[in-house]
Amino acid sequence: MTYGSAIMFVVAGVLGLVGTVLLLCLRRTDVTQQQVYAFRMIGIMLTSAAVVLAMSAGAMWQWSIEP
């Protein structure tokens, strides 16, 4: 695995973790309407960014090992 791919996978993991935590915060009962909007929007954006970045890192890793 190349150094760049590893960094991309780590960043994707962090983004996915933070996005998932924000989405799980929606299960609390003391969340205001403003927090629901922000948590939902930011959580979905971070989670989708993590998926796209992980796919890009996988493609970059695969391209680096092809002859």
PDB file of N, CA and C in Angstrom:
ATOM      1  N   MET A   1       0.860  -1.177   0.000  1.00  0.00           N
ATOM      2  CA  MET A   1       0.000   0.000   0.000  1.00  0.00           C
ATOM      3  C   MET A   1       0.901   1.233   0.000  1.00  0.00           C
ATOM      4  N   THR A   2       0.550   2.167  -0.839  1.00  0.00           N
ATOM      5  CA  THR A   2       1.342   3.391  -0.897  1.00  0.00           C
ATOM      6  C   THR A   2       1.011   4.295   0.280  1.00  0.00           C
ATOM      7  N   TYR A   3       1.918   5.202   0.548  1.00  0.00           N
ATOM      8  CA  TYR A   3       1.750   6.133   1.657  1.00  0.00           C
ATOM      9  C   TYR A   3       0.516   7.017   1.448  1.00  0.00           C
ATOM     10  N   GLY A   4       0.313   7.478   0.233  1.00  0.00           N
ATOM     11  CA  GLY A   4      -0.846   8.325  -0.075  1.00  0.00           C
ATOM     12  C   GLY A   4      -2.169   7.600   0.113  1.00  0.00           C
ATOM     13  N   SER A   5      -2.213   6.337  -0.300  1.00  0.00           N
ATOM     14  CA  SER A   5      -3.434   5.549  -0.121  1.00  0.00           C
ATOM     15  C   SER A   5      -3.739   5.331   1.355  1.00  0.00           C
ATOM     16  N   ALA A   6      -2.701   5.069   2.131  1.00  0.00           N
ATOM     17  CA  ALA A   6      -2.898   4.854   3.562  1.00  0.00           C
ATOM     18  C   ALA A   6      -3.457   6.104   4.243  1.00  0.00           C
ATOM     19  N   ILE A   7      -2.927   7.247   3.876  1.00  0.00           N
ATOM     20  CA  ILE A   7      -3.426   8.501   4.445  1.00  0.00           C
ATOM     21  C   ILE A   7      -4.881   8.719   4.047  1.00  0.00           C
ATOM     22  N   MET A   8      -5.207   8.435   2.798  1.00  0.00           N
ATOM     23  CA  MET A   8      -6.584   8.604   2.345  1.00  0.00           C
ATOM     24  C   MET A   8      -7.532   7.671   3.090  1.00  0.00           C
ATOM     25  N   PHE A   9      -7.105   6.435   3.340  1.00  0.00           N
ATOM     26  CA  PHE A   9      -7.939   5.499   4.100  1.00  0.00           C
ATOM     27  C   PHE A   9      -8.138   5.972   5.539  1.00  0.00           C
ATOM     28  N   VAL A  10      -7.096   6.516   6.156  1.00  0.00           N
ATOM     29  CA  VAL A  10      -7.215   7.015   7.533  1.00  0.00           C
ATOM     30  C   VAL A  10      -8.169   8.201   7.585  1.00  0.00           C
ATOM     31  N   VAL A  11      -8.034   9.129   6.655  1.00  0.00           N
ATOM     32  CA  VAL A  11      -8.925  10.296   6.622  1.00  0.00           C
ATOM     33  C   VAL A  11     -10.362   9.854   6.359  1.00  0.00           C
ATOM     34  N   ALA A  12     -10.548   8.891   5.481  1.00  0.00           N
ATOM     35  CA  ALA A  12     -11.900   8.372   5.212  1.00  0.00           C
ATOM     36  C   ALA A  12     -12.485   7.742   6.468  1.00  0.00           C
ATOM     37  N   GLY A  13     -11.658   7.030   7.225  1.00  0.00           N
ATOM     38  CA  GLY A  13     -12.128   6.437   8.469  1.00  0.00           C
ATOM     39  C   GLY A  13     -12.555   7.471   9.486  1.00  0.00           C
ATOM     40  N   VAL A  14     -11.779   8.536   9.614  1.00  0.00           N
ATOM     41  CA  VAL A  14     -12.117   9.601  10.555  1.00  0.00           C
ATOM     42  C   VAL A  14     -13.405  10.303  10.130  1.00  0.00           C
ATOM     43  N   LEU A  15     -13.516  10.612   8.851  1.00  0.00           N
ATOM     44  CA  LEU A  15     -14.735  11.260   8.360  1.00  0.00           C
ATOM     45  C   LEU A  15     -15.961  10.373   8.577  1.00  0.00           C
ATOM     46  N   GLY A  16     -15.815   9.094   8.291  1.00  0.00           N
ATOM     47  CA  GLY A  16     -16.920   8.171   8.487  1.00  0.00           C
ATOM     48  C   GLY A  16     -17.310   8.041   9.949  1.00  0.00           C
ATOM     49  N   LEU A  17     -16.322   8.022  10.833  1.00  0.00           N
ATOM     50  CA  LEU A  17     -16.602   7.908  12.255  1.00  0.00           C
ATOM     51  C   LEU A  17     -17.331   9.140  12.786  1.00  0.00           C
ATOM     52  N   VAL A  18     -16.847  10.314  12.422  1.00  0.00           N
ATOM     53  CA  VAL A  18     -17.489  11.553  12.882  1.00  0.00           C
ATOM     54  C   VAL A  18     -18.899  11.672  12.305  1.00  0.00           C
ATOM     55  N   GLY A  19     -19.056  11.342  11.027  1.00  0.00           N
ATOM     56  CA  GLY A  19     -20.377  11.397  10.409  1.00  0.00           C
ATOM     57  C   GLY A  19     -21.353  10.435  11.058  1.00  0.00           C
ATOM     58  N   THR A  20     -20.887   9.238  11.371  1.00  0.00           N
ATOM     59  CA  THR A  20     -21.749   8.253  12.024  1.00  0.00           C
ATOM     60  C   THR A  20     -22.130   8.700  13.428  1.00  0.00           C
ATOM     61  N   VAL A  21     -21.191   9.279  14.163  1.00  0.00           N
ATOM     62  CA  VAL A  21     -21.494   9.780  15.513  1.00  0.00           C
ATOM     63  C   VAL A  21     -22.547  10.883  15.448  1.00  0.00           C
ATOM     64  N   LEU A  22     -22.419  11.781  14.486  1.00  0.00           N
ATOM     65  CA  LEU A  22     -23.412  12.850  14.352  1.00  0.00           C
ATOM     66  C   LEU A  22     -24.793  12.281  14.021  1.00  0.00           C
ATOM     67  N   LEU A  23     -24.840  11.288  13.159  1.00  0.00           N
ATOM     68  CA  LEU A  23     -26.131  10.682  12.831  1.00  0.00           C
ATOM     69  C   LEU A  23     -26.714   9.925  14.020  1.00  0.00           C
ATOM     70  N   LEU A  24     -25.855   9.309  14.822  1.00  0.00           N
ATOM     71  CA  LEU A  24     -26.343   8.618  16.011  1.00  0.00           C
ATOM     72  C   LEU A  24     -26.814   9.594  17.093  1.00  0.00           C
ATOM     73  N   CYS A  25     -26.290  10.810  17.073  1.00  0.00           N
ATOM     74  CA  CYS A  25     -26.745  11.823  18.030  1.00  0.00           C
ATOM     75  C   CYS A  25     -28.207  12.203  17.803  1.00  0.00           C
ATOM     76  N   LEU A  26     -28.729  11.899  16.637  1.00  0.00           N
ATOM     77  CA  LEU A  26     -30.133  12.206  16.350  1.00  0.00           C
ATOM     78  C   LEU A  26     -31.083  11.347  17.169  1.00  0.00           C
ATOM     79  N   ARG A  27     -30.591  10.266  17.752  1.00  0.00           N
ATOM     80  CA  ARG A  27     -31.443   9.390  18.554  1.00  0.00           C
ATOM     81  C   ARG A  27     -31.742   9.960  19.935  1.00  0.00           C
ATOM     82  N   ARG A  28     -30.963  10.981  20.341  1.00  0.00           N
ATOM     83  CA  ARG A  28     -31.214  11.585  21.649  1.00  0.00           C
ATOM     84  C   ARG A  28     -32.537  12.335  21.615  1.00  0.00           C
ATOM     85  N   THR A  29     -33.143  12.482  22.782  1.00  0.00           N
ATOM     86  CA  THR A  29     -34.443  13.156  22.856  1.00  0.00           C
ATOM     87  C   THR A  29     -34.323  14.657  23.096  1.00  0.00           C
ATOM     88  N   ASP A  30     -33.164  15.125  23.526  1.00  0.00           N
ATOM     89  CA  ASP A  30     -33.009  16.546  23.853  1.00  0.00           C
ATOM     90  C   ASP A  30     -32.411  17.363  22.703  1.00  0.00           C
ATOM     91  N   VAL A  31     -32.576  16.897  21.474  1.00  0.00           N
ATOM     92  CA  VAL A  31     -32.010  17.576  20.310  1.00  0.00           C
ATOM     93  C   VAL A  31     -33.017  18.583  19.777  1.00  0.00           C
ATOM     94  N   THR A  32     -32.560  19.823  19.570  1.00  0.00           N
ATOM     95  CA  THR A  32     -33.438  20.864  19.035  1.00  0.00           C
ATOM     96  C   THR A  32     -33.585  20.697  17.524  1.00  0.00           C
ATOM     97  N   GLN A  33     -34.516  21.428  16.944  1.00  0.00           N
ATOM     98  CA  GLN A  33     -34.740  21.348  15.502  1.00  0.00           C
ATOM     99  C   GLN A  33     -33.513  21.827  14.723  1.00  0.00           C
ATOM    100  N   GLN A  34     -32.822  22.830  15.242  1.00  0.00           N
ATOM    101  CA  GLN A  34     -31.618  23.322  14.580  1.00  0.00           C
ATOM    102  C   GLN A  34     -30.513  22.263  14.609  1.00  0.00           C
ATOM    103  N   GLN A  35     -30.391  21.573  15.723  1.00  0.00           N
ATOM    104  CA  GLN A  35     -29.392  20.519  15.825  1.00  0.00           C
ATOM    105  C   GLN A  35     -29.746  19.343  14.924  1.00  0.00           C
ATOM    106  N   VAL A  36     -31.017  19.016  14.826  1.00  0.00           N
ATOM    107  CA  VAL A  36     -31.439  17.931  13.939  1.00  0.00           C
ATOM    108  C   VAL A  36     -31.033  18.251  12.512  1.00  0.00           C
ATOM    109  N   TYR A  37     -31.293  19.464  12.070  1.00  0.00           N
ATOM    110  CA  TYR A  37     -30.939  19.878  10.714  1.00  0.00           C
ATOM    111  C   TYR A  37     -29.429  19.803  10.498  1.00  0.00           C
ATOM    112  N   ALA A  38     -28.675  20.366  11.442  1.00  0.00           N
ATOM    113  CA  ALA A  38     -27.218  20.407  11.292  1.00  0.00           C
ATOM    114  C   ALA A  38     -26.611  19.007  11.372  1.00  0.00           C
ATOM    115  N   PHE A  39     -27.020  18.213  12.364  1.00  0.00           N
ATOM    116  CA  PHE A  39     -26.466  16.871  12.506  1.00  0.00           C
ATOM    117  C   PHE A  39     -26.781  16.018  11.290  1.00  0.00           C
ATOM    118  N   ARG A  40     -28.003  16.123  10.792  1.00  0.00           N
ATOM    119  CA  ARG A  40     -28.397  15.321   9.638  1.00  0.00           C
ATOM    120  C   ARG A  40     -27.608  15.734   8.398  1.00  0.00           C
ATOM    121  N   MET A  41     -27.521  17.024   8.142  1.00  0.00           N
ATOM    122  CA  MET A  41     -26.831  17.503   6.954  1.00  0.00           C
ATOM    123  C   MET A  41     -25.333  17.187   7.016  1.00  0.00           C
ATOM    124  N   ILE A  42     -24.695  17.534   8.123  1.00  0.00           N
ATOM    125  CA  ILE A  42     -23.252  17.327   8.241  1.00  0.00           C
ATOM    126  C   ILE A  42     -22.931  15.836   8.320  1.00  0.00           C
ATOM    127  N   GLY A  43     -23.736  15.066   9.044  1.00  0.00           N
ATOM    128  CA  GLY A  43     -23.487  13.635   9.168  1.00  0.00           C
ATOM    129  C   GLY A  43     -23.561  12.912   7.840  1.00  0.00           C
ATOM    130  N   ILE A  44     -24.565  13.239   7.044  1.00  0.00           N
ATOM    131  CA  ILE A  44     -24.695  12.594   5.733  1.00  0.00           C
ATOM    132  C   ILE A  44     -23.555  13.024   4.807  1.00  0.00           C
ATOM    133  N   MET A  45     -23.191  14.299   4.854  1.00  0.00           N
ATOM    134  CA  MET A  45     -22.107  14.775   3.998  1.00  0.00           C
ATOM    135  C   MET A  45     -20.775  14.133   4.376  1.00  0.00           C
ATOM    136  N   LEU A  46     -20.486  14.022   5.656  1.00  0.00           N
ATOM    137  CA  LEU A  46     -19.227  13.409   6.081  1.00  0.00           C
ATOM    138  C   LEU A  46     -19.196  11.920   5.756  1.00  0.00           C
ATOM    139  N   THR A  47     -20.308  11.243   5.969  1.00  0.00           N
ATOM    140  CA  THR A  47     -20.353   9.816   5.682  1.00  0.00           C
ATOM    141  C   THR A  47     -20.202   9.548   4.185  1.00  0.00           C
ATOM    142  N   SER A  48     -20.858  10.339   3.364  1.00  0.00           N
ATOM    143  CA  SER A  48     -20.712  10.134   1.921  1.00  0.00           C
ATOM    144  C   SER A  48     -19.312  10.520   1.442  1.00  0.00           C
ATOM    145  N   ALA A  49     -18.708  11.541   2.045  1.00  0.00           N
ATOM    146  CA  ALA A  49     -17.333  11.891   1.701  1.00  0.00           C
ATOM    147  C   ALA A  49     -16.384  10.762   2.065  1.00  0.00           C
ATOM    148  N   ALA A  50     -16.649  10.093   3.175  1.00  0.00           N
ATOM    149  CA  ALA A  50     -15.813   8.965   3.586  1.00  0.00           C
ATOM    150  C   ALA A  50     -15.909   7.820   2.580  1.00  0.00           C
ATOM    151  N   VAL A  51     -17.108   7.551   2.106  1.00  0.00           N
ATOM    152  CA  VAL A  51     -17.294   6.464   1.131  1.00  0.00           C
ATOM    153  C   VAL A  51     -16.556   6.788  -0.160  1.00  0.00           C
ATOM    154  N   VAL A  52     -16.716   8.006  -0.653  1.00  0.00           N
ATOM    155  CA  VAL A  52     -16.072   8.393  -1.912  1.00  0.00           C
ATOM    156  C   VAL A  52     -14.556   8.398  -1.766  1.00  0.00           C
ATOM    157  N   LEU A  53     -14.052   8.901  -0.645  1.00  0.00           N
ATOM    158  CA  LEU A  53     -12.609   8.937  -0.434  1.00  0.00           C
ATOM    159  C   LEU A  53     -12.036   7.535  -0.299  1.00  0.00           C
ATOM    160  N   ALA A  54     -12.753   6.650   0.365  1.00  0.00           N
ATOM    161  CA  ALA A  54     -12.278   5.269   0.489  1.00  0.00           C
ATOM    162  C   ALA A  54     -12.257   4.574  -0.875  1.00  0.00           C
ATOM    163  N   MET A  55     -13.247   4.829  -1.706  1.00  0.00           N
ATOM    164  CA  MET A  55     -13.247   4.242  -3.049  1.00  0.00           C
ATOM    165  C   MET A  55     -12.102   4.802  -3.884  1.00  0.00           C
ATOM    166  N   SER A  56     -11.831   6.093  -3.748  1.00  0.00           N
ATOM    167  CA  SER A  56     -10.714   6.696  -4.475  1.00  0.00           C
ATOM    168  C   SER A  56      -9.381   6.143  -3.991  1.00  0.00           C
ATOM    169  N   ALA A  57      -9.249   5.951  -2.689  1.00  0.00           N
ATOM    170  CA  ALA A  57      -8.015   5.387  -2.145  1.00  0.00           C
ATOM    171  C   ALA A  57      -7.820   3.953  -2.620  1.00  0.00           C
ATOM    172  N   GLY A  58      -8.900   3.196  -2.665  1.00  0.00           N
ATOM    173  CA  GLY A  58      -8.805   1.834  -3.177  1.00  0.00           C
ATOM    174  C   GLY A  58      -8.395   1.790  -4.637  1.00  0.00           C
ATOM    175  N   ALA A  59      -8.950   2.696  -5.428  1.00  0.00           N
ATOM    176  CA  ALA A  59      -8.575   2.756  -6.844  1.00  0.00           C
ATOM    177  C   ALA A  59      -7.115   3.172  -7.003  1.00  0.00           C
ATOM    178  N   MET A  60      -6.672   4.153  -6.202  1.00  0.00           N
ATOM    179  CA  MET A  60      -5.292   4.613  -6.288  1.00  0.00           C
ATOM    180  C   MET A  60      -4.329   3.500  -5.868  1.00  0.00           C
ATOM    181  N   TRP A  61      -4.718   2.747  -4.851  1.00  0.00           N
ATOM    182  CA  TRP A  61      -3.892   1.632  -4.391  1.00  0.00           C
ATOM    183  C   TRP A  61      -3.806   0.552  -5.465  1.00  0.00           C
ATOM    184  N   GLN A  62      -4.931   0.258  -6.098  1.00  0.00           N
ATOM    185  CA  GLN A  62      -4.953  -0.760  -7.147  1.00  0.00           C
ATOM    186  C   GLN A  62      -4.114  -0.318  -8.342  1.00  0.00           C
ATOM    187  N   TRP A  63      -4.190   0.953  -8.717  1.00  0.00           N
ATOM    188  CA  TRP A  63      -3.412   1.445  -9.844  1.00  0.00           C
ATOM    189  C   TRP A  63      -1.920   1.419  -9.543  1.00  0.00           C
ATOM    190  N   SER A  64      -1.569   1.594  -8.270  1.00  0.00           N
ATOM    191  CA  SER A  64      -0.141   1.640  -7.940  1.00  0.00           C
ATOM    192  C   SER A  64       0.496   0.255  -7.950  1.00  0.00           C
ATOM    193  N   ILE A  65      -0.298  -0.819  -7.823  1.00  0.00           N
ATOM    194  CA  ILE A  65       0.286  -2.166  -7.818  1.00  0.00           C
ATOM    195  C   ILE A  65       0.185  -2.859  -9.174  1.00  0.00           C
ATOM    196  N   GLU A  66      -0.521  -2.284 -10.115  1.00  0.00           N
ATOM    197  CA  GLU A  66      -0.608  -2.874 -11.453  1.00  0.00           C
ATOM    198  C   GLU A  66       0.710  -2.653 -12.191  1.00  0.00           C
ATOM    199  N   PRO A  67       1.137  -3.648 -12.971  1.00  0.00           N
ATOM    200  CA  PRO A  67       2.413  -3.523 -13.690  1.00  0.00           C
ATOM    201  C   PRO A  67       2.378  -2.523 -14.798  1.00  0.00           C
TER     202      PRO A  67
END
